[in-house]
PDB file of N, CA and C in Angstrom:
ATOM      1  N   MET A   1       9.432   2.388 -13.638  1.00  0.00           N
ATOM      2  CA  MET A   1       9.307   3.537 -12.607  1.00  0.00           C
ATOM      3  C   MET A   1      10.535   3.603 -11.922  1.00  0.00           C
ATOM      4  N   ARG A   2      10.704   5.388 -11.583  1.00  0.00           N
ATOM      5  CA  ARG A   2      12.098   4.745 -10.444  1.00  0.00           C
ATOM      6  C   ARG A   2      11.654   4.806  -9.339  1.00  0.00           C
ATOM      7  N   TYR A   3      12.493   5.025  -8.173  1.00  0.00           N
ATOM      8  CA  TYR A   3      12.313   5.592  -7.086  1.00  0.00           C
ATOM      9  C   TYR A   3      12.401   5.754  -6.566  1.00  0.00           C
ATOM     10  N   TRP A   4      12.446   7.314  -6.716  1.00  0.00           N
ATOM     11  CA  TRP A   4      11.859   8.492  -6.272  1.00  0.00           C
ATOM     12  C   TRP A   4      10.125   9.034  -6.861  1.00  0.00           C
ATOM     13  N   GLU A   5      10.310   8.299  -8.057  1.00  0.00           N
ATOM     14  CA  GLU A   5       8.372   8.905  -9.108  1.00  0.00           C
ATOM     15  C   GLU A   5       7.433   7.801  -8.395  1.00  0.00           C
ATOM     16  N   ALA A   6       8.394   6.770  -7.678  1.00  0.00           N
ATOM     17  CA  ALA A   6       7.380   5.912  -7.011  1.00  0.00           C
ATOM     18  C   ALA A   6       7.405   6.328  -5.451  1.00  0.00           C
ATOM     19  N   CYS A   7       8.037   6.826  -5.288  1.00  0.00           N
ATOM     20  CA  CYS A   7       7.487   7.216  -3.791  1.00  0.00           C
ATOM     21  C   CYS A   7       6.817   8.530  -3.676  1.00  0.00           C
ATOM     22  N   GLU A   8       6.298   9.155  -4.735  1.00  0.00           N
ATOM     23  CA  GLU A   8       5.660  10.645  -4.988  1.00  0.00           C
ATOM     24  C   GLU A   8       4.372  10.426  -6.094  1.00  0.00           C
ATOM     25  N   ALA A   9       4.357   8.657  -6.052  1.00  0.00           N
ATOM     26  CA  ALA A   9       3.028   8.496  -6.798  1.00  0.00           C
ATOM     27  C   ALA A   9       2.295   7.775  -5.453  1.00  0.00           C
ATOM     28  N   GLN A  10       0.592   7.937  -5.883  1.00  0.00           N
ATOM     29  CA  GLN A  10      -0.730   7.793  -5.545  1.00  0.00           C
ATOM     30  C   GLN A  10      -0.992   6.238  -6.183  1.00  0.00           C
ATOM     31  N   VAL A  11      -0.894   5.172  -5.642  1.00  0.00           N
ATOM     32  CA  VAL A  11      -1.957   4.713  -6.092  1.00  0.00           C
ATOM     33  C   VAL A  11      -3.053   3.573  -5.705  1.00  0.00           C
ATOM     34  N   THR A  12      -3.422   2.748  -6.668  1.00  0.00           N
ATOM     35  CA  THR A  12      -5.164   2.119  -5.831  1.00  0.00           C
ATOM     36  C   THR A  12      -4.976   1.491  -4.891  1.00  0.00           C
ATOM     37  N   ALA A  13      -6.373   0.468  -4.407  1.00  0.00           N
ATOM     38  CA  ALA A  13      -6.095  -0.393  -3.657  1.00  0.00           C
ATOM     39  C   ALA A  13      -5.537  -1.514  -4.705  1.00  0.00           C
ATOM     40  N   GLU A  14      -6.312  -1.811  -6.352  1.00  0.00           N
ATOM     41  CA  GLU A  14      -5.480  -2.477  -6.326  1.00  0.00           C
ATOM     42  C   GLU A  14      -3.912  -2.728  -7.053  1.00  0.00           C
ATOM     43  N   GLU A  15      -3.736  -1.541  -7.377  1.00  0.00           N
ATOM     44  CA  GLU A  15      -2.017  -1.479  -7.669  1.00  0.00           C
ATOM     45  C   GLU A  15      -1.189  -2.026  -6.405  1.00  0.00           C
ATOM     46  N   ALA A  16      -2.027  -0.908  -5.252  1.00  0.00           N
ATOM     47  CA  ALA A  16      -0.811  -1.891  -3.955  1.00  0.00           C
ATOM     48  C   ALA A  16      -1.337  -3.360  -3.646  1.00  0.00           C
ATOM     49  N   ILE A  17      -2.109  -3.190  -4.019  1.00  0.00           N
ATOM     50  CA  ILE A  17      -2.635  -5.334  -3.199  1.00  0.00           C
ATOM     51  C   ILE A  17      -1.492  -5.705  -4.411  1.00  0.00           C
ATOM     52  N   GLU A  18      -1.067  -5.482  -5.780  1.00  0.00           N
ATOM     53  CA  GLU A  18      -0.880  -6.291  -6.881  1.00  0.00           C
ATOM     54  C   GLU A  18       1.048  -5.652  -5.707  1.00  0.00           C
ATOM     55  N   GLU A  19       1.777  -4.505  -5.599  1.00  0.00           N
ATOM     56  CA  GLU A  19       2.826  -4.752  -5.540  1.00  0.00           C
ATOM     57  C   GLU A  19       3.036  -5.615  -4.347  1.00  0.00           C
ATOM     58  N   CYS A  20       2.453  -5.738  -2.956  1.00  0.00           N
ATOM     59  CA  CYS A  20       2.446  -6.192  -1.969  1.00  0.00           C
ATOM     60  C   CYS A  20       2.853  -7.568  -2.512  1.00  0.00           C
ATOM     61  N   ARG A  21       1.658  -8.410  -3.188  1.00  0.00           N
ATOM     62  CA  ARG A  21       1.522  -9.386  -4.001  1.00  0.00           C
ATOM     63  C   ARG A  21       2.778  -9.992  -4.230  1.00  0.00           C
ATOM     64  N   LEU A  22       3.624  -9.527  -5.412  1.00  0.00           N
ATOM     65  CA  LEU A  22       4.376  -9.307  -5.671  1.00  0.00           C
ATOM     66  C   LEU A  22       5.939  -9.759  -4.490  1.00  0.00           C
ATOM     67  N   HIS A  23       5.784  -9.033  -3.688  1.00  0.00           N
ATOM     68  CA  HIS A  23       6.710  -9.739  -2.556  1.00  0.00           C
ATOM     69  C   HIS A  23       6.599 -10.006  -1.108  1.00  0.00           C
ATOM     70  N   GLU A  24       5.385 -10.976  -1.650  1.00  0.00           N
ATOM     71  CA  GLU A  24       4.507 -11.712  -0.488  1.00  0.00           C
ATOM     72  C   GLU A  24       4.018 -12.002  -0.185  1.00  0.00           C
ATOM     73  N   ILE A  25       2.929 -10.995   0.493  1.00  0.00           N
ATOM     74  CA  ILE A  25       2.759 -10.057   0.886  1.00  0.00           C
ATOM     75  C   ILE A  25       1.283  -9.725   0.784  1.00  0.00           C
ATOM     76  N   GLU A  26       0.124 -10.874   1.373  1.00  0.00           N
ATOM     77  CA  GLU A  26      -0.425 -10.833   1.505  1.00  0.00           C
ATOM     78  C   GLU A  26      -1.783  -9.217   1.820  1.00  0.00           C
ATOM     79  N   ALA A  27      -2.368  -8.687   1.456  1.00  0.00           N
ATOM     80  CA  ALA A  27      -2.412  -6.927   1.917  1.00  0.00           C
ATOM     81  C   ALA A  27      -3.949  -6.866   1.122  1.00  0.00           C
ATOM     82  N   VAL A  28      -4.915  -6.757   1.577  1.00  0.00           N
ATOM     83  CA  VAL A  28      -6.454  -6.541   1.232  1.00  0.00           C
ATOM     84  C   VAL A  28      -7.199  -4.583   2.391  1.00  0.00           C
ATOM     85  N   VAL A  29      -7.635  -4.324   2.487  1.00  0.00           N
ATOM     86  CA  VAL A  29      -8.315  -3.093   2.760  1.00  0.00           C
ATOM     87  C   VAL A  29      -9.385  -3.284   3.504  1.00  0.00           C
ATOM     88  N   ARG A  30      -9.267  -2.748   4.812  1.00  0.00           N
ATOM     89  CA  ARG A  30      -9.594  -3.054   5.266  1.00  0.00           C
ATOM     90  C   ARG A  30     -11.170  -1.562   5.464  1.00  0.00           C
ATOM     91  N   GLN A  31     -12.179  -2.572   6.434  1.00  0.00           N
ATOM     92  CA  GLN A  31     -13.434  -1.810   5.705  1.00  0.00           C
ATOM     93  C   GLN A  31     -13.593  -1.282   6.700  1.00  0.00           C
ATOM     94  N   LEU A  32     -13.247  -0.994   8.241  1.00  0.00           N
ATOM     95  CA  LEU A  32     -13.550  -0.187   8.840  1.00  0.00           C
ATOM     96  C   LEU A  32     -13.109   1.754   8.530  1.00  0.00           C
ATOM     97  N   ASP A  33     -11.495   1.737   7.686  1.00  0.00           N
ATOM     98  CA  ASP A  33     -11.664   2.319   7.156  1.00  0.00           C
ATOM     99  C   ASP A  33     -11.149   2.764   6.100  1.00  0.00           C
ATOM    100  N   GLY A  34     -11.117   1.664   5.814  1.00  0.00           N
ATOM    101  CA  GLY A  34     -10.148   1.968   3.960  1.00  0.00           C
ATOM    102  C   GLY A  34      -8.518   1.859   4.079  1.00  0.00           C
ATOM    103  N   ALA A  35      -8.027   1.707   5.176  1.00  0.00           N
ATOM    104  CA  ALA A  35      -6.603   1.023   5.131  1.00  0.00           C
ATOM    105  C   ALA A  35      -6.694  -0.108   4.787  1.00  0.00           C
ATOM    106  N   LEU A  36      -5.093  -0.180   4.325  1.00  0.00           N
ATOM    107  CA  LEU A  36      -4.373  -1.542   4.229  1.00  0.00           C
ATOM    108  C   LEU A  36      -3.884  -1.663   4.571  1.00  0.00           C
ATOM    109  N   ILE A  37      -4.393  -3.456   5.465  1.00  0.00           N
ATOM    110  CA  ILE A  37      -3.434  -3.419   6.115  1.00  0.00           C
ATOM    111  C   ILE A  37      -2.187  -5.096   5.870  1.00  0.00           C
ATOM    112  N   ASP A  38      -1.491  -5.577   6.346  1.00  0.00           N
ATOM    113  CA  ASP A  38      -0.984  -7.335   5.824  1.00  0.00           C
ATOM    114  C   ASP A  38      -1.816  -8.239   6.856  1.00  0.00           C
ATOM    115  N   LEU A  39      -2.854  -8.523   5.957  1.00  0.00           N
ATOM    116  CA  LEU A  39      -3.740 -10.135   6.098  1.00  0.00           C
ATOM    117  C   LEU A  39      -2.673 -10.696   7.814  1.00  0.00           C
ATOM    118  N   GLN A  40      -1.416 -10.939   7.288  1.00  0.00           N
ATOM    119  CA  GLN A  40      -1.168 -12.316   8.193  1.00  0.00           C
ATOM    120  C   GLN A  40      -0.815 -11.344   9.586  1.00  0.00           C
ATOM    121  N   THR A  41      -0.152 -10.116   9.693  1.00  0.00           N
ATOM    122  CA  THR A  41      -0.139  -9.152  11.419  1.00  0.00           C
ATOM    123  C   THR A  41      -1.237  -8.052  11.261  1.00  0.00           C
ATOM    124  N   ASN A  42      -1.680  -8.245  10.764  1.00  0.00           N
ATOM    125  CA  ASN A  42      -2.476  -7.142  11.188  1.00  0.00           C
ATOM    126  C   ASN A  42      -1.808  -5.563  10.965  1.00  0.00           C
ATOM    127  N   ASP A  43      -0.176  -5.684  10.655  1.00  0.00           N
ATOM    128  CA  ASP A  43       0.256  -4.543  10.498  1.00  0.00           C
ATOM    129  C   ASP A  43      -0.036  -3.269   9.300  1.00  0.00           C
ATOM    130  N   VAL A  44      -0.415  -1.772   9.598  1.00  0.00           N
ATOM    131  CA  VAL A  44      -1.337  -0.759   8.570  1.00  0.00           C
ATOM    132  C   VAL A  44      -0.316  -0.909   7.583  1.00  0.00           C
ATOM    133  N   ILE A  45      -0.629  -0.483   5.655  1.00  0.00           N
ATOM    134  CA  ILE A  45       0.284  -0.659   5.339  1.00  0.00           C
ATOM    135  C   ILE A  45       0.800   1.415   5.325  1.00  0.00           C
ATOM    136  N   ALA A  46      -0.984   1.309   4.568  1.00  0.00           N
ATOM    137  CA  ALA A  46      -0.705   2.900   4.414  1.00  0.00           C
ATOM    138  C   ALA A  46      -2.532   3.215   4.365  1.00  0.00           C
ATOM    139  N   TYR A  47      -2.709   4.471   4.248  1.00  0.00           N
ATOM    140  CA  TYR A  47      -4.253   4.650   5.362  1.00  0.00           C
ATOM    141  C   TYR A  47      -4.448   4.917   3.733  1.00  0.00           C
ATOM    142  N   VAL A  48      -5.420   4.924   3.557  1.00  0.00           N
ATOM    143  CA  VAL A  48      -5.825   5.836   1.912  1.00  0.00           C
ATOM    144  C   VAL A  48      -6.149   7.330   2.494  1.00  0.00           C
ATOM    145  N   ASP A  49      -5.887   8.200   1.437  1.00  0.00           N
ATOM    146  CA  ASP A  49      -6.334   9.648   0.839  1.00  0.00           C
ATOM    147  C   ASP A  49      -8.245   9.414   1.031  1.00  0.00           C
ATOM    148  N   GLU A  50      -8.200  10.869   0.405  1.00  0.00           N
ATOM    149  CA  GLU A  50      -9.216  11.706   0.548  1.00  0.00           C
ATOM    150  C   GLU A  50      -9.878  11.158  -1.275  1.00  0.00           C
ATOM    151  N   ALA A  51      -8.478  11.366  -1.862  1.00  0.00           N
ATOM    152  CA  ALA A  51      -9.477  10.415  -2.936  1.00  0.00           C
ATOM    153  C   ALA A  51      -8.818   8.524  -2.849  1.00  0.00           C
ATOM    154  N   GLY A  52      -9.203   8.488  -2.581  1.00  0.00           N
ATOM    155  CA  GLY A  52      -9.458   7.159  -2.194  1.00  0.00           C
ATOM    156  C   GLY A  52      -8.384   5.714  -2.796  1.00  0.00           C
ATOM    157  N   GLU A  53      -6.674   6.961  -2.469  1.00  0.00           N
ATOM    158  CA  GLU A  53      -5.616   6.529  -3.050  1.00  0.00           C
ATOM    159  C   GLU A  53      -4.756   6.121  -1.754  1.00  0.00           C
ATOM    160  N   TYR A  54      -3.364   5.525  -1.866  1.00  0.00           N
ATOM    161  CA  TYR A  54      -1.777   5.557  -1.159  1.00  0.00           C
ATOM    162  C   TYR A  54      -1.077   5.763  -2.168  1.00  0.00           C
ATOM    163  N   SER A  55      -0.383   6.661  -0.715  1.00  0.00           N
ATOM    164  CA  SER A  55       0.921   6.951  -0.618  1.00  0.00           C
ATOM    165  C   SER A  55       1.883   5.634  -1.259  1.00  0.00           C
ATOM    166  N   GLY A  56       2.822   6.085  -2.102  1.00  0.00           N
ATOM    167  CA  GLY A  56       3.416   5.497  -2.522  1.00  0.00           C
ATOM    168  C   GLY A  56       4.782   4.612  -1.606  1.00  0.00           C
ATOM    169  N   ALA A  57       4.956   5.795  -1.868  1.00  0.00           N
ATOM    170  CA  ALA A  57       6.231   6.308  -0.642  1.00  0.00           C
ATOM    171  C   ALA A  57       5.856   5.289   1.160  1.00  0.00           C
ATOM    172  N   ASP A  58       4.719   5.037   1.593  1.00  0.00           N
ATOM    173  CA  ASP A  58       4.577   4.154   2.528  1.00  0.00           C
ATOM    174  C   ASP A  58       4.637   3.000   2.445  1.00  0.00           C
ATOM    175  N   ILE A  59       4.090   2.174   1.195  1.00  0.00           N
ATOM    176  CA  ILE A  59       4.188   0.673   0.459  1.00  0.00           C
ATOM    177  C   ILE A  59       5.419   0.425   0.386  1.00  0.00           C
ATOM    178  N   LEU A  60       6.167   1.372  -0.490  1.00  0.00           N
ATOM    179  CA  LEU A  60       7.912   1.504  -0.308  1.00  0.00           C
ATOM    180  C   LEU A  60       8.392   1.306   1.035  1.00  0.00           C
ATOM    181  N   GLY A  61       8.109   1.653   1.733  1.00  0.00           N
ATOM    182  CA  GLY A  61       8.451   1.916   3.165  1.00  0.00           C
ATOM    183  C   GLY A  61       8.075   0.146   3.791  1.00  0.00           C
ATOM    184  N   TYR A  62       7.003  -0.026   3.863  1.00  0.00           N
ATOM    185  CA  TYR A  62       6.426  -1.030   4.760  1.00  0.00           C
ATOM    186  C   TYR A  62       7.250  -2.661   3.564  1.00  0.00           C
ATOM    187  N   LEU A  63       7.857  -2.114   2.463  1.00  0.00           N
ATOM    188  CA  LEU A  63       8.338  -3.232   2.032  1.00  0.00           C
ATOM    189  C   LEU A  63       9.680  -3.178   2.168  1.00  0.00           C
ATOM    190  N   GLY A  64      10.657  -1.974   2.772  1.00  0.00           N
ATOM    191  CA  GLY A  64      11.660  -1.966   2.654  1.00  0.00           C
ATOM    192  C   GLY A  64      12.191  -1.854   1.862  1.00  0.00           C
ATOM    193  N   TYR A  65      12.188  -0.849   1.781  1.00  0.00           N
ATOM    194  CA  TYR A  65      13.371  -0.193   0.411  1.00  0.00           C
ATOM    195  C   TYR A  65      13.424   1.736   0.829  1.00  0.00           C
TER     196      TYR A  65
END
């Protein structure tokens, strides 16, 4: 997938967690609000949208792309 396509993508929690894992970040979904967080730092990686998905741009931004 090209960078701009990834930025525009909406991804599931499983897809987001796997991408983070590939970058050695342990991500989990926070039960309180569904936000995806970095388990080590408790930083929010991305907030869930009304469809239950996460913004690819948020994920890439957290990963430093």
